[in-house]
Amino acid sequence: MEQPDDPEQREKWLRLPFIGIGISQQVKPLVDGSVLTAAVIKSLTMEFTLTLLVRAIETQAQLPERSVVEALSYPDLEKITAQQ
């Protein structure tokens, strides 16, 4: 993520209370209860990893060197920005 060029915008983001990361079931109640201002939601990687492993075994293909797992902002960045 890029740093805001505008010093005022940077200060607004830095004043946000704690921002967390975790799975949906953990962080959504904390955001909704105002313990966290926002959170990055990551999926558990076990299912993804097992799917890759099974596919590699079935096709005799080598596992990719790197894989990307989707991450989401909760609430959406537009909503967080609007609160600023």
N, C-alpha and C. Protein backbone atom coordinates (compact mmCIF):
# COMPACT_ATOMS: atom_id res chain seq x y z
N MET A 1 0.85 -1.17 0.00
CA MET A 1 0.00 0.00 0.00
C MET A 1 0.89 1.24 0.00
N GLU A 2 0.54 2.19 -0.81
CA GLU A 2 1.32 3.42 -0.90
C GLU A 2 1.02 4.36 0.26
N GLN A 3 1.99 5.15 0.61
CA GLN A 3 1.81 6.16 1.63
C GLN A 3 1.06 7.34 1.02
N PRO A 4 0.12 7.94 1.73
CA PRO A 4 -0.56 9.13 1.20
C PRO A 4 0.43 10.27 1.00
N ASP A 5 0.33 10.96 -0.16
CA ASP A 5 1.21 12.09 -0.43
C ASP A 5 0.82 13.31 0.40
N ASP A 6 -0.44 13.46 0.65
CA ASP A 6 -0.95 14.61 1.39
C ASP A 6 -0.69 14.41 2.89
N PRO A 7 0.07 15.31 3.51
CA PRO A 7 0.38 15.17 4.94
C PRO A 7 -0.87 15.10 5.83
N GLU A 8 -1.93 15.83 5.45
CA GLU A 8 -3.17 15.78 6.24
C GLU A 8 -3.80 14.40 6.17
N GLN A 9 -3.83 13.81 4.97
CA GLN A 9 -4.38 12.47 4.82
C GLN A 9 -3.56 11.45 5.61
N ARG A 10 -2.25 11.61 5.57
CA ARG A 10 -1.37 10.70 6.32
C ARG A 10 -1.68 10.78 7.81
N GLU A 11 -1.84 11.97 8.33
CA GLU A 11 -2.15 12.15 9.75
C GLU A 11 -3.50 11.54 10.11
N LYS A 12 -4.49 11.69 9.22
CA LYS A 12 -5.81 11.09 9.48
C LYS A 12 -5.70 9.58 9.60
N TRP A 13 -4.94 8.95 8.70
CA TRP A 13 -4.78 7.50 8.75
C TRP A 13 -4.02 7.07 9.99
N LEU A 14 -3.01 7.85 10.37
CA LEU A 14 -2.22 7.50 11.55
C LEU A 14 -3.02 7.65 12.84
N ARG A 15 -4.07 8.48 12.84
CA ARG A 15 -4.89 8.66 14.03
C ARG A 15 -5.92 7.55 14.23
N LEU A 16 -6.06 6.68 13.23
CA LEU A 16 -7.02 5.58 13.39
C LEU A 16 -6.63 4.71 14.58
N PRO A 17 -7.61 4.32 15.37
CA PRO A 17 -7.31 3.33 16.43
C PRO A 17 -6.86 2.02 15.80
N PHE A 18 -6.55 1.08 16.59
CA PHE A 18 -5.95 -0.18 16.18
C PHE A 18 -6.62 -0.82 14.98
N ILE A 19 -5.80 -1.31 14.07
CA ILE A 19 -6.27 -2.05 12.90
C ILE A 19 -5.70 -3.46 13.04
N GLY A 20 -6.55 -4.49 12.83
CA GLY A 20 -6.13 -5.87 13.04
C GLY A 20 -6.14 -6.70 11.78
N ILE A 21 -5.76 -7.95 11.94
CA ILE A 21 -5.77 -8.92 10.85
C ILE A 21 -6.20 -10.26 11.41
N GLY A 22 -6.98 -11.00 10.64
CA GLY A 22 -7.41 -12.31 11.08
C GLY A 22 -8.47 -12.87 10.17
N ILE A 23 -9.09 -13.95 10.62
CA ILE A 23 -10.17 -14.54 9.83
C ILE A 23 -11.47 -13.83 10.17
N SER A 24 -12.41 -13.93 9.26
CA SER A 24 -13.67 -13.20 9.36
C SER A 24 -14.37 -13.37 10.71
N GLN A 25 -14.49 -14.60 11.17
CA GLN A 25 -15.21 -14.85 12.42
C GLN A 25 -14.54 -14.20 13.62
N GLN A 26 -13.25 -13.96 13.54
CA GLN A 26 -12.53 -13.33 14.65
C GLN A 26 -12.61 -11.81 14.62
N VAL A 27 -12.41 -11.23 13.45
CA VAL A 27 -12.25 -9.78 13.40
C VAL A 27 -13.54 -9.00 13.17
N LYS A 28 -14.51 -9.57 12.46
CA LYS A 28 -15.75 -8.81 12.23
C LYS A 28 -16.44 -8.41 13.53
N PRO A 29 -16.59 -9.30 14.52
CA PRO A 29 -17.22 -8.87 15.78
C PRO A 29 -16.42 -7.76 16.49
N LEU A 30 -15.10 -7.79 16.36
CA LEU A 30 -14.28 -6.76 17.00
C LEU A 30 -14.45 -5.41 16.31
N VAL A 31 -14.55 -5.43 14.97
CA VAL A 31 -14.80 -4.17 14.24
C VAL A 31 -16.21 -3.68 14.53
N ASP A 32 -17.18 -4.58 14.47
CA ASP A 32 -18.57 -4.19 14.72
C ASP A 32 -18.77 -3.69 16.14
N GLY A 33 -17.98 -4.19 17.09
CA GLY A 33 -18.06 -3.75 18.48
C GLY A 33 -17.14 -2.58 18.79
N SER A 34 -16.51 -2.00 17.77
CA SER A 34 -15.63 -0.83 17.89
C SER A 34 -14.37 -1.08 18.70
N VAL A 35 -13.98 -2.34 18.86
CA VAL A 35 -12.69 -2.64 19.48
C VAL A 35 -11.58 -2.34 18.48
N LEU A 36 -11.83 -2.69 17.21
CA LEU A 36 -10.93 -2.37 16.11
C LEU A 36 -11.63 -1.38 15.19
N THR A 37 -10.87 -0.53 14.56
CA THR A 37 -11.45 0.39 13.57
C THR A 37 -11.67 -0.33 12.25
N ALA A 38 -10.73 -1.18 11.89
CA ALA A 38 -10.79 -1.91 10.63
C ALA A 38 -9.91 -3.14 10.76
N ALA A 39 -10.04 -4.05 9.80
CA ALA A 39 -9.22 -5.25 9.82
C ALA A 39 -9.00 -5.76 8.41
N VAL A 40 -7.91 -6.47 8.24
CA VAL A 40 -7.64 -7.18 7.01
C VAL A 40 -8.09 -8.61 7.26
N ILE A 41 -8.98 -9.10 6.39
CA ILE A 41 -9.51 -10.45 6.56
C ILE A 41 -8.74 -11.37 5.62
N LYS A 42 -8.13 -12.38 6.20
CA LYS A 42 -7.40 -13.40 5.45
C LYS A 42 -8.10 -14.73 5.66
N SER A 43 -8.10 -15.54 4.64
CA SER A 43 -8.70 -16.85 4.78
C SER A 43 -7.69 -17.79 5.44
N LEU A 44 -8.19 -18.85 6.02
CA LEU A 44 -7.30 -19.89 6.51
C LEU A 44 -6.64 -20.54 5.31
N THR A 45 -5.38 -20.85 5.42
CA THR A 45 -4.67 -21.36 4.25
C THR A 45 -4.63 -22.88 4.18
N MET A 46 -5.12 -23.59 5.20
CA MET A 46 -5.04 -25.05 5.19
C MET A 46 -5.79 -25.65 4.00
N GLU A 47 -7.03 -25.22 3.76
CA GLU A 47 -7.81 -25.77 2.65
C GLU A 47 -7.12 -25.47 1.32
N PHE A 48 -6.65 -24.26 1.16
CA PHE A 48 -5.96 -23.85 -0.06
C PHE A 48 -4.71 -24.70 -0.27
N THR A 49 -3.95 -24.90 0.79
CA THR A 49 -2.71 -25.67 0.72
C THR A 49 -2.99 -27.13 0.36
N LEU A 50 -3.99 -27.71 0.99
CA LEU A 50 -4.34 -29.11 0.69
C LEU A 50 -4.81 -29.26 -0.76
N THR A 51 -5.56 -28.29 -1.25
CA THR A 51 -6.01 -28.33 -2.65
C THR A 51 -4.82 -28.32 -3.59
N LEU A 52 -3.84 -27.45 -3.31
CA LEU A 52 -2.63 -27.40 -4.14
C LEU A 52 -1.88 -28.72 -4.08
N LEU A 53 -1.76 -29.29 -2.90
CA LEU A 53 -1.02 -30.53 -2.73
C LEU A 53 -1.70 -31.69 -3.47
N VAL A 54 -3.01 -31.81 -3.31
CA VAL A 54 -3.76 -32.88 -4.00
C VAL A 54 -3.62 -32.72 -5.51
N ARG A 55 -3.77 -31.51 -6.01
CA ARG A 55 -3.64 -31.28 -7.45
C ARG A 55 -2.25 -31.67 -7.94
N ALA A 56 -1.22 -31.33 -7.17
CA ALA A 56 0.15 -31.67 -7.56
C ALA A 56 0.35 -33.18 -7.56
N ILE A 57 -0.20 -33.88 -6.59
CA ILE A 57 -0.06 -35.34 -6.53
C ILE A 57 -0.81 -35.98 -7.70
N GLU A 58 -2.02 -35.52 -7.96
CA GLU A 58 -2.83 -36.11 -9.03
C GLU A 58 -2.23 -35.88 -10.41
N THR A 59 -1.66 -34.73 -10.63
CA THR A 59 -1.13 -34.40 -11.96
C THR A 59 0.38 -34.60 -12.07
N GLN A 60 1.01 -34.98 -10.96
CA GLN A 60 2.46 -35.15 -10.91
C GLN A 60 3.20 -33.85 -11.27
N ALA A 61 2.54 -32.73 -11.05
CA ALA A 61 3.15 -31.43 -11.32
C ALA A 61 3.82 -30.91 -10.06
N GLN A 62 4.82 -30.09 -10.25
CA GLN A 62 5.49 -29.49 -9.12
C GLN A 62 4.64 -28.36 -8.55
N LEU A 63 4.63 -28.23 -7.24
CA LEU A 63 3.90 -27.14 -6.60
C LEU A 63 4.49 -25.80 -7.01
N PRO A 64 3.65 -24.78 -7.13
CA PRO A 64 4.20 -23.46 -7.46
C PRO A 64 5.11 -22.97 -6.34
N GLU A 65 6.09 -22.21 -6.72
CA GLU A 65 7.03 -21.67 -5.74
C GLU A 65 6.34 -20.70 -4.79
N ARG A 66 5.32 -20.02 -5.29
CA ARG A 66 4.63 -19.02 -4.50
C ARG A 66 3.16 -19.01 -4.90
N SER A 67 2.29 -18.80 -3.93
CA SER A 67 0.85 -18.68 -4.18
C SER A 67 0.32 -17.47 -3.43
N VAL A 68 -0.74 -16.89 -3.95
CA VAL A 68 -1.31 -15.70 -3.34
C VAL A 68 -2.69 -16.05 -2.78
N VAL A 69 -2.93 -15.63 -1.55
CA VAL A 69 -4.22 -15.82 -0.92
C VAL A 69 -4.88 -14.46 -0.81
N GLU A 70 -6.15 -14.38 -1.19
CA GLU A 70 -6.87 -13.11 -1.21
C GLU A 70 -7.01 -12.53 0.20
N ALA A 71 -6.91 -11.23 0.29
CA ALA A 71 -7.15 -10.51 1.54
C ALA A 71 -8.17 -9.41 1.26
N LEU A 72 -9.04 -9.15 2.22
CA LEU A 72 -10.08 -8.15 2.07
C LEU A 72 -10.01 -7.16 3.23
N SER A 73 -10.44 -5.96 2.99
CA SER A 73 -10.54 -4.96 4.04
C SER A 73 -11.95 -5.01 4.62
N TYR A 74 -12.05 -4.94 5.94
CA TYR A 74 -13.37 -4.84 6.59
C TYR A 74 -13.33 -3.70 7.57
N PRO A 75 -14.15 -2.71 7.45
CA PRO A 75 -15.05 -2.45 6.32
C PRO A 75 -14.26 -2.07 5.08
N ASP A 76 -14.96 -1.89 3.96
CA ASP A 76 -14.30 -1.51 2.71
C ASP A 76 -13.51 -0.23 2.90
N LEU A 77 -12.42 -0.11 2.14
CA LEU A 77 -11.58 1.09 2.26
C LEU A 77 -12.35 2.37 2.00
N GLU A 78 -13.33 2.32 1.10
CA GLU A 78 -14.13 3.51 0.82
C GLU A 78 -14.88 3.97 2.07
N LYS A 79 -15.39 3.02 2.84
CA LYS A 79 -16.12 3.38 4.05
C LYS A 79 -15.17 3.94 5.11
N ILE A 80 -14.00 3.35 5.23
CA ILE A 80 -13.00 3.85 6.18
C ILE A 80 -12.59 5.26 5.80
N THR A 81 -12.34 5.48 4.51
CA THR A 81 -11.93 6.79 4.02
C THR A 81 -13.02 7.83 4.26
N ALA A 82 -14.28 7.44 4.07
CA ALA A 82 -15.39 8.36 4.28
C ALA A 82 -15.50 8.79 5.74
N GLN A 83 -15.05 7.98 6.66
CA GLN A 83 -15.11 8.29 8.08
C GLN A 83 -14.04 9.30 8.48
N GLN A 84 -13.07 9.50 7.60
CA GLN A 84 -11.97 10.41 7.92
C GLN A 84 -12.38 11.84 7.81
